[in-house]
């Protein structure tokens, strides 16, 4: 009888650990973060002088940044703390700050979309948008190995 109870306890703990992982949410979060990185690629090259200024690409990137920032609150459910994720525990412990950072990113991308008209305004506004990235990476993302 004790073996049966012990077996049920082990099964219950194991099931709880599996349920505590939400691979779908982790996958959605990874896709969202990849979309943010992808959206910054072309304008990043423009900012470095490695590519010519292209307003259409900048506007498309800013739209993606706004869209992903708006979805940011949906990709950090509590059941996605563990598993194959680069999110640090701090992301879940400080959700209000994390979500405020997403809101600021979205607002800054929206403001930049209105302000950027040419290469000069791009060089002035783009750094304001990308300044948002480091704050999240430093506080809420595991360092790259």
C-alpha atoms as a PDB file:
ATOM      1  CA  UNK A   1       0.000   0.000   0.000  1.00  0.00           C
ATOM      2  CA  UNK A   2       2.835   2.384   0.835  1.00  0.00           C
ATOM      3  CA  UNK A   3       4.401   1.691  -2.551  1.00  0.00           C
ATOM      4  CA  UNK A   4       1.140   2.569  -4.276  1.00  0.00           C
ATOM      5  CA  UNK A   5       0.843   5.842  -2.364  1.00  0.00           C
ATOM      6  CA  UNK A   6       4.512   6.677  -3.005  1.00  0.00           C
ATOM      7  CA  UNK A   7       4.000   5.891  -6.690  1.00  0.00           C
ATOM      8  CA  UNK A   8       0.962   8.163  -6.850  1.00  0.00           C
ATOM      9  CA  UNK A   9       2.884  10.981  -5.151  1.00  0.00           C
ATOM     10  CA  UNK A  10       5.747  10.639  -7.647  1.00  0.00           C
ATOM     11  CA  UNK A  11       3.263  10.595 -10.514  1.00  0.00           C
ATOM     12  CA  UNK A  12       1.472  13.664  -9.174  1.00  0.00           C
ATOM     13  CA  UNK A  13       4.723  15.596  -8.751  1.00  0.00           C
ATOM     14  CA  UNK A  14       5.895  14.579 -12.218  1.00  0.00           C
ATOM     15  CA  UNK A  15       2.579  15.591 -13.758  1.00  0.00           C
ATOM     16  CA  UNK A  16       2.712  18.937 -11.981  1.00  0.00           C
ATOM     17  CA  UNK A  17       6.202  19.584 -13.333  1.00  0.00           C
ATOM     18  CA  UNK A  18       5.126  18.742 -16.873  1.00  0.00           C
ATOM     19  CA  UNK A  19       2.034  20.915 -16.587  1.00  0.00           C
ATOM     20  CA  UNK A  20       4.151  23.771 -15.245  1.00  0.00           C
ATOM     21  CA  UNK A  21       5.798  23.921 -18.644  1.00  0.00           C
ATOM     22  CA  UNK A  22       3.845  25.462 -21.476  1.00  0.00           C
ATOM     23  CA  UNK A  23       5.782  24.644 -24.639  1.00  0.00           C
ATOM     24  CA  UNK A  24       3.231  26.426 -26.837  1.00  0.00           C
ATOM     25  CA  UNK A  25       3.659  29.692 -24.924  1.00  0.00           C
ATOM     26  CA  UNK A  26       7.431  29.311 -24.968  1.00  0.00           C
ATOM     27  CA  UNK A  27       7.326  28.752 -28.718  1.00  0.00           C
ATOM     28  CA  UNK A  28       5.107  31.808 -29.205  1.00  0.00           C
ATOM     29  CA  UNK A  29       7.474  33.864 -27.051  1.00  0.00           C
ATOM     30  CA  UNK A  30      10.487  32.700 -29.064  1.00  0.00           C
ATOM     31  CA  UNK A  31       8.687  33.565 -32.304  1.00  0.00           C
ATOM     32  CA  UNK A  32       7.791  37.009 -30.959  1.00  0.00           C
ATOM     33  CA  UNK A  33      11.359  37.718 -29.877  1.00  0.00           C
ATOM     34  CA  UNK A  34      12.690  36.519 -33.244  1.00  0.00           C
ATOM     35  CA  UNK A  35      10.217  38.848 -34.938  1.00  0.00           C
ATOM     36  CA  UNK A  36      11.558  41.762 -32.872  1.00  0.00           C
ATOM     37  CA  UNK A  37      15.118  40.897 -33.840  1.00  0.00           C
ATOM     38  CA  UNK A  38      14.157  40.434 -37.469  1.00  0.00           C
ATOM     39  CA  UNK A  39      12.361  43.766 -37.519  1.00  0.00           C
ATOM     40  CA  UNK A  40      15.486  45.520 -36.288  1.00  0.00           C
ATOM     41  CA  UNK A  41      17.800  43.926 -38.850  1.00  0.00           C
ATOM     42  CA  UNK A  42      17.277  46.143 -41.930  1.00  0.00           C
ATOM     43  CA  UNK A  43      17.040  49.439 -40.038  1.00  0.00           C
ATOM     44  CA  UNK A  44      20.043  48.381 -37.970  1.00  0.00           C
ATOM     45  CA  UNK A  45      22.083  47.988 -41.142  1.00  0.00           C
ATOM     46  CA  UNK A  46      20.834  51.391 -42.293  1.00  0.00           C
ATOM     47  CA  UNK A  47      21.809  52.981 -38.982  1.00  0.00           C
ATOM     48  CA  UNK A  48      25.327  51.532 -39.287  1.00  0.00           C
ATOM     49  CA  UNK A  49      25.645  52.787 -42.860  1.00  0.00           C
ATOM     50  CA  UNK A  50      25.771  49.239 -44.217  1.00  0.00           C
ATOM     51  CA  UNK A  51      22.572  49.704 -46.226  1.00  0.00           C
ATOM     52  CA  UNK A  52      20.909  52.709 -47.841  1.00  0.00           C
ATOM     53  CA  UNK A  53      17.970  54.332 -46.077  1.00  0.00           C
ATOM     54  CA  UNK A  54      14.680  52.788 -47.196  1.00  0.00           C
ATOM     55  CA  UNK A  55      11.582  54.389 -45.684  1.00  0.00           C
ATOM     56  CA  UNK A  56       9.301  51.483 -46.634  1.00  0.00           C
ATOM     57  CA  UNK A  57      11.535  48.966 -44.817  1.00  0.00           C
ATOM     58  CA  UNK A  58      11.800  51.232 -41.789  1.00  0.00           C
ATOM     59  CA  UNK A  59       8.018  51.678 -41.620  1.00  0.00           C
ATOM     60  CA  UNK A  60       7.445  47.921 -41.999  1.00  0.00           C
ATOM     61  CA  UNK A  61       9.928  47.265 -39.196  1.00  0.00           C
ATOM     62  CA  UNK A  62       8.300  49.824 -36.922  1.00  0.00           C
ATOM     63  CA  UNK A  63       4.885  48.266 -37.587  1.00  0.00           C
ATOM     64  CA  UNK A  64       6.241  44.837 -36.621  1.00  0.00           C
ATOM     65  CA  UNK A  65       7.784  46.274 -33.456  1.00  0.00           C
ATOM     66  CA  UNK A  66       4.437  47.837 -32.514  1.00  0.00           C
ATOM     67  CA  UNK A  67       2.526  44.625 -33.197  1.00  0.00           C
ATOM     68  CA  UNK A  68       4.896  42.386 -31.251  1.00  0.00           C
ATOM     69  CA  UNK A  69       5.138  44.849 -28.365  1.00  0.00           C
ATOM     70  CA  UNK A  70       1.341  44.818 -28.118  1.00  0.00           C
ATOM     71  CA  UNK A  71       1.408  41.006 -27.869  1.00  0.00           C
ATOM     72  CA  UNK A  72       4.211  41.014 -25.294  1.00  0.00           C
ATOM     73  CA  UNK A  73       1.878  40.560 -22.345  1.00  0.00           C
ATOM     74  CA  UNK A  74       0.439  37.385 -23.825  1.00  0.00           C
ATOM     75  CA  UNK A  75       3.683  35.447 -24.208  1.00  0.00           C
ATOM     76  CA  UNK A  76       4.748  35.318 -20.549  1.00  0.00           C
ATOM     77  CA  UNK A  77       2.125  33.169 -18.819  1.00  0.00           C
ATOM     78  CA  UNK A  78       3.222  31.776 -15.466  1.00  0.00           C
ATOM     79  CA  UNK A  79       3.178  28.232 -16.803  1.00  0.00           C
ATOM     80  CA  UNK A  80       5.995  29.079 -19.237  1.00  0.00           C
ATOM     81  CA  UNK A  81       8.684  29.799 -16.649  1.00  0.00           C
ATOM     82  CA  UNK A  82      10.466  26.514 -17.217  1.00  0.00           C
ATOM     83  CA  UNK A  83      11.385  24.509 -20.246  1.00  0.00           C
ATOM     84  CA  UNK A  84      13.425  25.531 -23.269  1.00  0.00           C
ATOM     85  CA  UNK A  85      13.325  29.265 -22.650  1.00  0.00           C
ATOM     86  CA  UNK A  86      15.828  32.098 -22.474  1.00  0.00           C
ATOM     87  CA  UNK A  87      13.544  34.085 -20.186  1.00  0.00           C
ATOM     88  CA  UNK A  88      15.016  34.581 -16.734  1.00  0.00           C
ATOM     89  CA  UNK A  89      12.863  34.083 -13.617  1.00  0.00           C
ATOM     90  CA  UNK A  90      12.998  37.879 -13.187  1.00  0.00           C
ATOM     91  CA  UNK A  91      10.736  38.229 -16.237  1.00  0.00           C
ATOM     92  CA  UNK A  92       7.970  36.498 -14.307  1.00  0.00           C
ATOM     93  CA  UNK A  93       8.785  38.099 -10.955  1.00  0.00           C
ATOM     94  CA  UNK A  94       8.707  41.630 -12.413  1.00  0.00           C
ATOM     95  CA  UNK A  95       5.963  41.377 -15.004  1.00  0.00           C
ATOM     96  CA  UNK A  96       4.741  44.926 -14.384  1.00  0.00           C
ATOM     97  CA  UNK A  97       8.156  46.297 -15.332  1.00  0.00           C
ATOM     98  CA  UNK A  98       8.532  43.904 -18.259  1.00  0.00           C
ATOM     99  CA  UNK A  99       5.107  44.807 -19.612  1.00  0.00           C
ATOM    100  CA  UNK A 100       5.833  48.525 -19.153  1.00  0.00           C
ATOM    101  CA  UNK A 101       8.955  48.019 -21.275  1.00  0.00           C
ATOM    102  CA  UNK A 102       6.840  46.407 -24.011  1.00  0.00           C
ATOM    103  CA  UNK A 103       4.420  49.333 -23.846  1.00  0.00           C
ATOM    104  CA  UNK A 104       7.283  51.827 -24.113  1.00  0.00           C
ATOM    105  CA  UNK A 105       8.746  49.960 -27.089  1.00  0.00           C
ATOM    106  CA  UNK A 106       5.367  50.051 -28.826  1.00  0.00           C
ATOM    107  CA  UNK A 107       4.867  53.746 -28.056  1.00  0.00           C
ATOM    108  CA  UNK A 108       8.368  54.663 -29.201  1.00  0.00           C
ATOM    109  CA  UNK A 109       7.961  52.656 -32.414  1.00  0.00           C
ATOM    110  CA  UNK A 110       4.637  54.373 -33.080  1.00  0.00           C
ATOM    111  CA  UNK A 111       6.134  57.810 -32.461  1.00  0.00           C
ATOM    112  CA  UNK A 112       9.069  56.987 -34.731  1.00  0.00           C
ATOM    113  CA  UNK A 113       6.721  55.797 -37.473  1.00  0.00           C
ATOM    114  CA  UNK A 114       5.158  59.256 -37.463  1.00  0.00           C
ATOM    115  CA  UNK A 115       8.430  61.161 -37.116  1.00  0.00           C
ATOM    116  CA  UNK A 116      10.641  59.336 -39.606  1.00  0.00           C
ATOM    117  CA  UNK A 117      10.382  60.859 -43.073  1.00  0.00           C
ATOM    118  CA  UNK A 118      13.962  60.726 -44.342  1.00  0.00           C
ATOM    119  CA  UNK A 119      17.476  59.589 -43.481  1.00  0.00           C
ATOM    120  CA  UNK A 120      18.040  62.502 -41.093  1.00  0.00           C
ATOM    121  CA  UNK A 121      14.912  61.876 -39.053  1.00  0.00           C
ATOM    122  CA  UNK A 122      15.652  58.134 -39.126  1.00  0.00           C
ATOM    123  CA  UNK A 123      19.108  58.689 -37.615  1.00  0.00           C
ATOM    124  CA  UNK A 124      17.517  60.823 -34.922  1.00  0.00           C
ATOM    125  CA  UNK A 125      14.550  58.580 -34.078  1.00  0.00           C
ATOM    126  CA  UNK A 126      15.767  55.003 -34.605  1.00  0.00           C
ATOM    127  CA  UNK A 127      18.130  55.026 -31.585  1.00  0.00           C
ATOM    128  CA  UNK A 128      15.196  55.999 -29.366  1.00  0.00           C
ATOM    129  CA  UNK A 129      13.394  52.827 -30.445  1.00  0.00           C
ATOM    130  CA  UNK A 130      16.340  50.472 -30.131  1.00  0.00           C
ATOM    131  CA  UNK A 131      17.271  51.859 -26.714  1.00  0.00           C
ATOM    132  CA  UNK A 132      14.360  49.773 -25.421  1.00  0.00           C
ATOM    133  CA  UNK A 133      15.948  46.467 -26.387  1.00  0.00           C
ATOM    134  CA  UNK A 134      18.885  46.407 -24.008  1.00  0.00           C
ATOM    135  CA  UNK A 135      16.779  46.992 -20.902  1.00  0.00           C
ATOM    136  CA  UNK A 136      14.817  43.799 -21.447  1.00  0.00           C
ATOM    137  CA  UNK A 137      17.784  41.739 -22.583  1.00  0.00           C
ATOM    138  CA  UNK A 138      19.899  42.663 -19.566  1.00  0.00           C
ATOM    139  CA  UNK A 139      17.181  42.149 -16.970  1.00  0.00           C
ATOM    140  CA  UNK A 140      15.016  39.400 -18.415  1.00  0.00           C
ATOM    141  CA  UNK A 141      16.995  37.271 -20.877  1.00  0.00           C
ATOM    142  CA  UNK A 142      19.655  34.657 -20.211  1.00  0.00           C
ATOM    143  CA  UNK A 143      23.034  35.809 -21.513  1.00  0.00           C
ATOM    144  CA  UNK A 144      24.134  34.186 -24.753  1.00  0.00           C
ATOM    145  CA  UNK A 145      26.756  31.523 -24.190  1.00  0.00           C
END
